Amino acid sequence: MQCLLPVDATARAMHPREARHSGRRSGLIGSFVGVGWPHPSRRERPMADILNFLVESAFRNAEAAGAFDDLPGAGKPLPPVDQQDDATLGRILREARAEPPAVTFLKRISESQKRLADLKDPAERTAEMRRLADLQTRLAIEKEAFRRHG
């Protein structure tokens, strides 16, 4: 690993909050050229920041040394990765015979429409039409949520 020298070896190290207000880079690592450590949004996790910095630095140095140049499959797309969590969730849902809410609403709407066609009493028809309208509204909300958020 290469040795990084401070930009100004005589400058005192500053606390990140102090540096934020002064416009200077701060701290031992933050005083190096091109390194703005710690990033303001990551100050809550200093150990993770140090580890991330070290790992990224090691990768940059290895890449500069050409360690990744002759890897098998270089330049080819990565194979698709099955997310274990998604696969497990899908299996559980299939075993439980669970279905998406939109499918459930469509089935309930179909049943409600059949009941409505068989009803003759105006009061019962009105009540069933209210239930049908409610189901259709819920289906529309579910479709919109799926469209927006996937």
Protein backbone atom coordinates (compact mmCIF):
# COMPACT_ATOMS: atom_id res chain seq x y z
CA MET A 1 0.00 0.00 0.00
CA GLN A 2 1.36 3.40 -0.86
CA CYS A 3 2.12 5.95 1.82
CA LEU A 4 -0.03 9.06 1.64
CA LEU A 5 1.59 12.28 2.81
CA PRO A 6 -0.36 15.19 4.26
CA VAL A 7 -0.85 18.22 2.06
CA ASP A 8 0.57 20.45 4.78
CA ALA A 9 2.51 18.50 7.39
CA THR A 10 2.66 21.51 9.71
CA ALA A 11 -1.11 22.08 9.75
CA ARG A 12 -2.87 20.81 12.83
CA ALA A 13 -5.54 18.18 12.42
CA MET A 14 -9.03 19.55 12.80
CA HIS A 15 -12.18 17.92 14.05
CA PRO A 16 -14.64 17.30 11.16
CA ARG A 17 -17.17 19.80 12.56
CA GLU A 18 -14.46 22.43 12.84
CA ALA A 19 -13.32 21.80 9.27
CA ARG A 20 -16.85 21.99 7.93
CA HIS A 21 -17.11 25.60 9.10
CA SER A 22 -13.59 26.61 8.09
CA GLY A 23 -13.70 25.19 4.56
CA ARG A 24 -10.54 23.13 5.18
CA ARG A 25 -10.26 19.38 4.99
CA SER A 26 -9.80 17.89 8.36
CA GLY A 27 -8.42 15.10 10.44
CA LEU A 28 -5.50 12.81 9.85
CA ILE A 29 -6.93 11.10 6.79
CA GLY A 30 -8.89 14.13 5.57
CA SER A 31 -5.72 16.19 5.21
CA PHE A 32 -4.43 13.95 2.40
CA VAL A 33 -4.68 15.03 -1.20
CA GLY A 34 -8.03 14.20 -2.79
CA VAL A 35 -9.51 12.59 0.30
CA GLY A 36 -12.49 14.31 1.89
CA TRP A 37 -12.88 12.04 4.91
CA PRO A 38 -15.18 11.66 6.75
CA HIS A 39 -18.09 12.40 4.49
CA PRO A 40 -20.62 14.57 6.39
CA SER A 41 -23.44 12.05 5.97
CA ARG A 42 -21.36 9.25 7.48
CA ARG A 43 -20.09 10.78 10.72
CA GLU A 44 -22.37 8.57 12.79
CA ARG A 45 -20.37 5.44 11.80
CA PRO A 46 -16.68 6.29 12.12
CA MET A 47 -15.47 2.66 12.24
CA ALA A 48 -17.40 1.76 9.10
CA ASP A 49 -16.00 4.85 7.40
CA ILE A 50 -12.43 3.88 8.22
CA LEU A 51 -12.96 0.33 6.99
CA ASN A 52 -14.67 1.53 3.81
CA PHE A 53 -11.84 3.98 3.20
CA LEU A 54 -9.20 1.28 3.68
CA VAL A 55 -10.99 -1.24 1.44
CA GLU A 56 -11.61 1.31 -1.31
CA SER A 57 -8.01 2.46 -1.08
CA ALA A 58 -6.77 -1.13 -1.40
CA PHE A 59 -9.00 -1.67 -4.45
CA ARG A 60 -7.78 1.53 -6.10
CA ASN A 61 -4.14 0.56 -5.49
CA ALA A 62 -4.70 -2.97 -6.83
CA GLU A 63 -6.47 -1.60 -9.89
CA ALA A 64 -3.64 0.87 -10.52
CA ALA A 65 -1.13 -1.99 -10.22
CA GLY A 66 -3.09 -4.01 -12.81
CA ALA A 67 -4.21 -6.80 -10.49
CA PHE A 68 -7.62 -7.00 -12.16
CA ASP A 69 -6.43 -6.89 -15.79
CA ASP A 70 -6.25 -10.63 -16.55
CA LEU A 71 -9.26 -11.95 -14.66
CA PRO A 72 -11.37 -14.61 -16.42
CA GLY A 73 -14.56 -13.13 -17.84
CA ALA A 74 -13.18 -9.59 -18.00
CA GLY A 75 -15.42 -7.35 -20.08
CA LYS A 76 -18.36 -9.77 -19.97
CA PRO A 77 -21.60 -9.05 -18.10
CA LEU A 78 -22.05 -10.66 -14.72
CA PRO A 79 -24.51 -13.56 -14.54
CA PRO A 80 -27.88 -12.73 -12.97
CA VAL A 81 -27.89 -13.13 -9.22
CA ASP A 82 -30.87 -14.68 -7.47
CA GLN A 83 -31.51 -12.79 -4.30
CA GLN A 84 -31.76 -15.38 -1.55
CA ASP A 85 -34.30 -13.28 0.36
CA ASP A 86 -36.54 -12.96 -2.70
CA ALA A 87 -36.30 -16.67 -3.48
CA THR A 88 -37.18 -17.60 0.10
CA LEU A 89 -40.07 -15.15 0.21
CA GLY A 90 -41.38 -16.43 -3.13
CA ARG A 91 -41.24 -20.04 -1.93
CA ILE A 92 -43.08 -19.18 1.30
CA LEU A 93 -45.78 -17.29 -0.61
CA ARG A 94 -46.24 -20.15 -3.10
CA GLU A 95 -46.48 -22.72 -0.31
CA ALA A 96 -49.04 -20.58 1.52
CA ARG A 97 -50.90 -20.08 -1.78
CA ALA A 98 -50.72 -16.34 -1.20
CA GLU A 99 -51.54 -14.05 -4.08
CA PRO A 100 -51.00 -10.37 -4.73
CA PRO A 101 -53.70 -8.06 -3.34
CA ALA A 102 -54.75 -7.02 -6.85
CA VAL A 103 -55.56 -10.63 -7.76
CA THR A 104 -57.57 -11.03 -4.56
CA PHE A 105 -59.50 -7.83 -5.31
CA LEU A 106 -60.23 -8.98 -8.88
CA LYS A 107 -61.66 -12.27 -7.60
CA ARG A 108 -63.77 -10.49 -4.98
CA ILE A 109 -65.02 -7.99 -7.60
CA SER A 110 -66.05 -10.85 -9.88
CA GLU A 111 -67.92 -12.56 -7.03
CA SER A 112 -69.60 -9.29 -6.10
CA GLN A 113 -70.72 -8.70 -9.69
CA LYS A 114 -72.25 -12.20 -9.82
CA ARG A 115 -74.11 -11.60 -6.54
CA LEU A 116 -75.31 -8.23 -7.80
CA ALA A 117 -76.73 -9.84 -10.95
CA ASP A 118 -78.74 -12.32 -8.83
CA LEU A 119 -80.16 -9.78 -6.35
CA LYS A 120 -83.68 -8.39 -6.84
CA ASP A 121 -84.28 -6.39 -3.64
CA PRO A 122 -83.31 -2.71 -4.16
CA ALA A 123 -81.87 -2.33 -0.63
CA GLU A 124 -79.69 -5.43 -1.02
CA ARG A 125 -78.59 -4.30 -4.49
CA THR A 126 -77.62 -0.88 -3.09
CA ALA A 127 -75.56 -2.50 -0.32
CA GLU A 128 -73.86 -4.84 -2.80
CA MET A 129 -73.15 -1.94 -5.18
CA ARG A 130 -71.46 -0.10 -2.28
CA ARG A 131 -69.30 -3.17 -1.56
CA LEU A 132 -68.47 -3.46 -5.26
CA ALA A 133 -67.52 0.23 -5.51
CA ASP A 134 -65.33 -0.15 -2.40
CA LEU A 135 -63.55 -3.16 -3.91
CA GLN A 136 -63.02 -1.35 -7.21
CA THR A 137 -61.59 1.66 -5.37
CA ARG A 138 -59.24 -0.58 -3.38
CA LEU A 139 -58.13 -2.28 -6.60
CA ALA A 140 -57.43 1.09 -8.22
CA ILE A 141 -55.37 2.16 -5.18
CA GLU A 142 -53.41 -1.10 -5.28
CA LYS A 143 -52.71 -0.72 -9.01
CA GLU A 144 -51.55 2.86 -8.55
CA ALA A 145 -49.27 1.88 -5.66
CA PHE A 146 -47.79 -0.91 -7.78
CA ARG A 147 -47.32 1.45 -10.72
CA ARG A 148 -45.50 3.99 -8.54
CA HIS A 149 -43.46 1.74 -6.29
CA GLY A 150 -43.21 -1.56 -8.12
